[in-house]
PDB file of N, CA and C in Angstrom:
ATOM      1  N   MET A   1      98.647  31.904 119.808  1.00  0.00           N
ATOM      2  CA  MET A   1      97.206  33.542 119.938  1.00  0.00           C
ATOM      3  C   MET A   1      98.181  34.728 119.892  1.00  0.00           C
ATOM      4  N   GLY A   2      99.055  35.215 118.941  1.00  0.00           N
ATOM      5  CA  GLY A   2      99.460  36.405 119.727  1.00  0.00           C
ATOM      6  C   GLY A   2      99.497  37.769 118.996  1.00  0.00           C
ATOM      7  N   VAL A   3     100.060  38.761 119.463  1.00  0.00           N
ATOM      8  CA  VAL A   3     100.481  39.676 118.266  1.00  0.00           C
ATOM      9  C   VAL A   3     101.873  40.368 118.992  1.00  0.00           C
ATOM     10  N   ARG A   4     102.782  40.454 117.886  1.00  0.00           N
ATOM     11  CA  ARG A   4     103.937  40.760 117.644  1.00  0.00           C
ATOM     12  C   ARG A   4     104.281  42.027 116.601  1.00  0.00           C
ATOM     13  N   LEU A   5     104.802  43.135 117.922  1.00  0.00           N
ATOM     14  CA  LEU A   5     104.875  44.063 117.297  1.00  0.00           C
ATOM     15  C   LEU A   5     106.946  43.960 117.082  1.00  0.00           C
ATOM     16  N   VAL A   6     107.899  44.735 115.566  1.00  0.00           N
ATOM     17  CA  VAL A   6     108.857  44.240 114.632  1.00  0.00           C
ATOM     18  C   VAL A   6     109.222  45.550 115.180  1.00  0.00           C
ATOM     19  N   SER A   7     110.938  45.713 115.821  1.00  0.00           N
ATOM     20  CA  SER A   7     111.713  46.546 116.088  1.00  0.00           C
ATOM     21  C   SER A   7     111.118  46.901 117.124  1.00  0.00           C
ATOM     22  N   GLN A   8     112.094  48.452 117.111  1.00  0.00           N
ATOM     23  CA  GLN A   8     111.607  49.376 118.911  1.00  0.00           C
ATOM     24  C   GLN A   8     110.259  50.324 118.128  1.00  0.00           C
ATOM     25  N   VAL A   9     110.263  51.232 117.375  1.00  0.00           N
ATOM     26  CA  VAL A   9     110.040  52.122 116.649  1.00  0.00           C
ATOM     27  C   VAL A   9     108.683  50.963 115.617  1.00  0.00           C
ATOM     28  N   PRO A  10     107.912  50.389 115.590  1.00  0.00           N
ATOM     29  CA  PRO A  10     107.152  49.413 114.529  1.00  0.00           C
ATOM     30  C   PRO A  10     106.537  49.130 112.981  1.00  0.00           C
ATOM     31  N   ARG A  11     107.866  49.046 112.550  1.00  0.00           N
ATOM     32  CA  ARG A  11     107.242  49.425 110.921  1.00  0.00           C
ATOM     33  C   ARG A  11     106.319  48.348 110.268  1.00  0.00           C
ATOM     34  N   ARG A  12     106.216  47.250 111.526  1.00  0.00           N
ATOM     35  CA  ARG A  12     105.760  46.199 110.302  1.00  0.00           C
ATOM     36  C   ARG A  12     104.769  44.742 111.817  1.00  0.00           C
ATOM     37  N   ILE A  13     103.181  44.874 110.849  1.00  0.00           N
ATOM     38  CA  ILE A  13     102.419  43.891 112.424  1.00  0.00           C
ATOM     39  C   ILE A  13     102.214  42.513 111.756  1.00  0.00           C
ATOM     40  N   THR A  14     102.063  41.824 113.153  1.00  0.00           N
ATOM     41  CA  THR A  14     102.391  40.843 112.911  1.00  0.00           C
ATOM     42  C   THR A  14     101.063  40.023 113.579  1.00  0.00           C
ATOM     43  N   VAL A  15     100.319  39.056 112.764  1.00  0.00           N
ATOM     44  CA  VAL A  15      99.012  39.058 114.052  1.00  0.00           C
ATOM     45  C   VAL A  15      98.933  37.123 113.324  1.00  0.00           C
ATOM     46  N   ASP A  16      99.076  36.345 114.517  1.00  0.00           N
ATOM     47  CA  ASP A  16      98.670  35.310 114.391  1.00  0.00           C
ATOM     48  C   ASP A  16      96.722  34.887 113.037  1.00  0.00           C
ATOM     49  N   LYS A  17      96.808  34.122 111.772  1.00  0.00           N
ATOM     50  CA  LYS A  17      95.941  34.116 111.189  1.00  0.00           C
ATOM     51  C   LYS A  17      94.674  33.477 112.357  1.00  0.00           C
ATOM     52  N   ASP A  18      94.833  33.013 113.131  1.00  0.00           N
ATOM     53  CA  ASP A  18      93.853  32.531 114.548  1.00  0.00           C
ATOM     54  C   ASP A  18      93.685  32.954 115.511  1.00  0.00           C
ATOM     55  N   HIS A  19      94.394  34.180 114.877  1.00  0.00           N
ATOM     56  CA  HIS A  19      93.518  35.431 116.496  1.00  0.00           C
ATOM     57  C   HIS A  19      91.755  35.447 116.989  1.00  0.00           C
ATOM     58  N   PRO A  20      91.684  35.711 117.932  1.00  0.00           N
ATOM     59  CA  PRO A  20      90.679  35.794 117.897  1.00  0.00           C
ATOM     60  C   PRO A  20      89.371  36.754 117.914  1.00  0.00           C
ATOM     61  N   TYR A  21      89.973  38.125 118.055  1.00  0.00           N
ATOM     62  CA  TYR A  21      89.764  39.380 117.920  1.00  0.00           C
ATOM     63  C   TYR A  21      90.446  40.041 116.862  1.00  0.00           C
ATOM     64  N   LEU A  22      91.995  39.936 115.947  1.00  0.00           N
ATOM     65  CA  LEU A  22      92.610  41.127 115.343  1.00  0.00           C
ATOM     66  C   LEU A  22      92.884  40.007 114.596  1.00  0.00           C
ATOM     67  N   SER A  23      92.538  41.106 113.237  1.00  0.00           N
ATOM     68  CA  SER A  23      93.400  40.785 111.806  1.00  0.00           C
ATOM     69  C   SER A  23      95.161  41.803 111.421  1.00  0.00           C
ATOM     70  N   VAL A  24      95.219  41.360 110.497  1.00  0.00           N
ATOM     71  CA  VAL A  24      96.651  42.656 109.832  1.00  0.00           C
ATOM     72  C   VAL A  24      95.828  42.454 108.213  1.00  0.00           C
ATOM     73  N   ARG A  25      95.348  43.563 107.520  1.00  0.00           N
ATOM     74  CA  ARG A  25      95.508  43.488 106.135  1.00  0.00           C
ATOM     75  C   ARG A  25      96.479  45.083 105.749  1.00  0.00           C
ATOM     76  N   ASP A  26      96.720  45.475 105.047  1.00  0.00           N
ATOM     77  CA  ASP A  26      97.618  46.182 103.964  1.00  0.00           C
ATOM     78  C   ASP A  26      98.843  47.025 104.996  1.00  0.00           C
ATOM     79  N   GLY A  27      99.776  45.764 106.283  1.00  0.00           N
ATOM     80  CA  GLY A  27     100.167  46.600 107.216  1.00  0.00           C
ATOM     81  C   GLY A  27      99.265  47.415 108.745  1.00  0.00           C
ATOM     82  N   LEU A  28      98.669  47.078 107.886  1.00  0.00           N
ATOM     83  CA  LEU A  28      96.753  48.383 109.102  1.00  0.00           C
ATOM     84  C   LEU A  28      97.115  47.169 110.635  1.00  0.00           C
ATOM     85  N   LEU A  29      96.447  47.091 111.925  1.00  0.00           N
ATOM     86  CA  LEU A  29      95.912  46.407 112.197  1.00  0.00           C
ATOM     87  C   LEU A  29      94.317  46.379 112.453  1.00  0.00           C
ATOM     88  N   PHE A  30      93.217  45.874 112.231  1.00  0.00           N
ATOM     89  CA  PHE A  30      92.282  45.488 112.364  1.00  0.00           C
ATOM     90  C   PHE A  30      91.400  44.620 113.273  1.00  0.00           C
ATOM     91  N   ASN A  31      89.765  44.790 113.812  1.00  0.00           N
ATOM     92  CA  ASN A  31      89.822  43.872 114.934  1.00  0.00           C
ATOM     93  C   ASN A  31      89.578  42.792 113.355  1.00  0.00           C
ATOM     94  N   LYS A  32      89.401  41.820 114.259  1.00  0.00           N
ATOM     95  CA  LYS A  32      88.824  40.602 113.056  1.00  0.00           C
ATOM     96  C   LYS A  32      87.485  40.958 112.111  1.00  0.00           C
ATOM     97  N   GLU A  33      87.321  41.561 112.389  1.00  0.00           N
ATOM     98  CA  GLU A  33      85.773  41.513 110.699  1.00  0.00           C
ATOM     99  C   GLU A  33      86.536  42.948 109.886  1.00  0.00           C
ATOM    100  N   GLN A  34      87.863  43.247 110.361  1.00  0.00           N
ATOM    101  CA  GLN A  34      87.974  43.765 109.714  1.00  0.00           C
ATOM    102  C   GLN A  34      87.665  45.331 109.451  1.00  0.00           C
ATOM    103  N   ARG A  35      86.387  45.983 109.634  1.00  0.00           N
ATOM    104  CA  ARG A  35      85.718  46.942 110.151  1.00  0.00           C
ATOM    105  C   ARG A  35      85.466  48.195 111.230  1.00  0.00           C
ATOM    106  N   GLU A  36      86.931  47.917 111.252  1.00  0.00           N
ATOM    107  CA  GLU A  36      87.763  48.896 112.710  1.00  0.00           C
ATOM    108  C   GLU A  36      89.280  48.508 112.587  1.00  0.00           C
ATOM    109  N   LEU A  37      89.411  50.491 111.761  1.00  0.00           N
ATOM    110  CA  LEU A  37      91.223  50.525 111.826  1.00  0.00           C
ATOM    111  C   LEU A  37      90.888  50.187 113.416  1.00  0.00           C
ATOM    112  N   LEU A  38      92.193  50.071 113.604  1.00  0.00           N
ATOM    113  CA  LEU A  38      92.613  49.960 115.708  1.00  0.00           C
ATOM    114  C   LEU A  38      94.345  50.849 114.929  1.00  0.00           C
ATOM    115  N   TRP A  39      95.085  50.539 114.710  1.00  0.00           N
ATOM    116  CA  TRP A  39      96.911  51.071 115.353  1.00  0.00           C
ATOM    117  C   TRP A  39      96.898  51.021 113.577  1.00  0.00           C
ATOM    118  N   TYR A  40      97.895  51.991 113.206  1.00  0.00           N
ATOM    119  CA  TYR A  40      98.438  52.917 112.020  1.00  0.00           C
ATOM    120  C   TYR A  40     100.250  52.929 112.201  1.00  0.00           C
ATOM    121  N   PRO A  41     100.559  51.935 111.942  1.00  0.00           N
ATOM    122  CA  PRO A  41     102.382  51.888 112.155  1.00  0.00           C
ATOM    123  C   PRO A  41     103.352  53.446 111.945  1.00  0.00           C
ATOM    124  N   TYR A  42     103.654  53.393 113.103  1.00  0.00           N
ATOM    125  CA  TYR A  42     104.261  55.010 113.284  1.00  0.00           C
ATOM    126  C   TYR A  42     105.236  54.136 112.073  1.00  0.00           C
ATOM    127  N   GLY A  43     106.224  53.842 111.715  1.00  0.00           N
ATOM    128  CA  GLY A  43     107.832  53.544 111.510  1.00  0.00           C
ATOM    129  C   GLY A  43     106.847  53.242 109.645  1.00  0.00           C
ATOM    130  N   LYS A  44     105.352  53.026 109.712  1.00  0.00           N
ATOM    131  CA  LYS A  44     105.001  52.758 108.185  1.00  0.00           C
ATOM    132  C   LYS A  44     105.126  53.341 107.185  1.00  0.00           C
ATOM    133  N   ALA A  45     105.887  53.042 105.577  1.00  0.00           N
ATOM    134  CA  ALA A  45     106.628  54.302 105.015  1.00  0.00           C
ATOM    135  C   ALA A  45     105.009  55.025 104.279  1.00  0.00           C
ATOM    136  N   GLY A  46     105.056  55.733 103.485  1.00  0.00           N
ATOM    137  CA  GLY A  46     104.040  56.469 102.828  1.00  0.00           C
ATOM    138  C   GLY A  46     103.718  58.413 104.603  1.00  0.00           C
ATOM    139  N   GLU A  47     102.796  58.666 103.922  1.00  0.00           N
ATOM    140  CA  GLU A  47     101.938  59.652 104.565  1.00  0.00           C
ATOM    141  C   GLU A  47     100.379  59.474 104.206  1.00  0.00           C
ATOM    142  N   THR A  48      99.882  58.616 103.501  1.00  0.00           N
ATOM    143  CA  THR A  48      98.777  58.729 103.882  1.00  0.00           C
ATOM    144  C   THR A  48      98.523  57.004 103.617  1.00  0.00           C
ATOM    145  N   CYS A  49      97.265  56.905 104.087  1.00  0.00           N
ATOM    146  CA  CYS A  49      96.442  55.255 104.003  1.00  0.00           C
ATOM    147  C   CYS A  49      95.532  55.673 103.200  1.00  0.00           C
ATOM    148  N   MET A  50      95.228  54.846 102.915  1.00  0.00           N
ATOM    149  CA  MET A  50      93.812  54.297 101.769  1.00  0.00           C
ATOM    150  C   MET A  50      92.558  53.399 103.366  1.00  0.00           C
ATOM    151  N   VAL A  51      91.602  54.321 102.948  1.00  0.00           N
ATOM    152  CA  VAL A  51      91.547  53.178 104.719  1.00  0.00           C
ATOM    153  C   VAL A  51      89.962  52.211 103.738  1.00  0.00           C
ATOM    154  N   PRO A  52      90.531  51.376 104.149  1.00  0.00           N
ATOM    155  CA  PRO A  52      89.704  49.745 102.760  1.00  0.00           C
ATOM    156  C   PRO A  52      87.905  49.752 103.059  1.00  0.00           C
ATOM    157  N   GLY A  53      86.900  49.825 102.399  1.00  0.00           N
ATOM    158  CA  GLY A  53      86.028  49.789 102.212  1.00  0.00           C
ATOM    159  C   GLY A  53      85.388  48.964 103.530  1.00  0.00           C
ATOM    160  N   GLY A  54      84.772  49.469 103.998  1.00  0.00           N
ATOM    161  CA  GLY A  54      84.067  48.574 105.612  1.00  0.00           C
ATOM    162  C   GLY A  54      84.417  49.380 106.368  1.00  0.00           C
ATOM    163  N   VAL A  55      85.158  49.695 105.963  1.00  0.00           N
ATOM    164  CA  VAL A  55      85.547  50.384 107.636  1.00  0.00           C
ATOM    165  C   VAL A  55      84.459  50.924 108.325  1.00  0.00           C
ATOM    166  N   THR A  56      83.816  50.844 109.098  1.00  0.00           N
ATOM    167  CA  THR A  56      83.096  52.120 109.630  1.00  0.00           C
ATOM    168  C   THR A  56      84.067  52.881 111.201  1.00  0.00           C
ATOM    169  N   LYS A  57      84.715  52.721 111.751  1.00  0.00           N
ATOM    170  CA  LYS A  57      85.539  52.630 112.737  1.00  0.00           C
ATOM    171  C   LYS A  57      86.785  53.100 112.490  1.00  0.00           C
ATOM    172  N   ILE A  58      87.610  54.162 113.050  1.00  0.00           N
ATOM    173  CA  ILE A  58      88.430  54.813 113.525  1.00  0.00           C
ATOM    174  C   ILE A  58      88.354  54.633 114.367  1.00  0.00           C
ATOM    175  N   GLY A  59      89.644  53.943 115.157  1.00  0.00           N
ATOM    176  CA  GLY A  59      89.974  53.704 117.157  1.00  0.00           C
ATOM    177  C   GLY A  59      91.540  54.895 116.396  1.00  0.00           C
TER     178      GLY A  59
END
């Protein structure tokens, strides 16, 4: 159970589906419940991000 960041400037986040605290949705890193947006990868294409409904905190 771990997190793997791909490339020197991460463009993609990979989290084991059984990770007890983290999850990924649309390339963004969230807490397991997906209520807190934890990280937006620097290399992710596009300049805007639609925050999914249900997110109550951006870290």
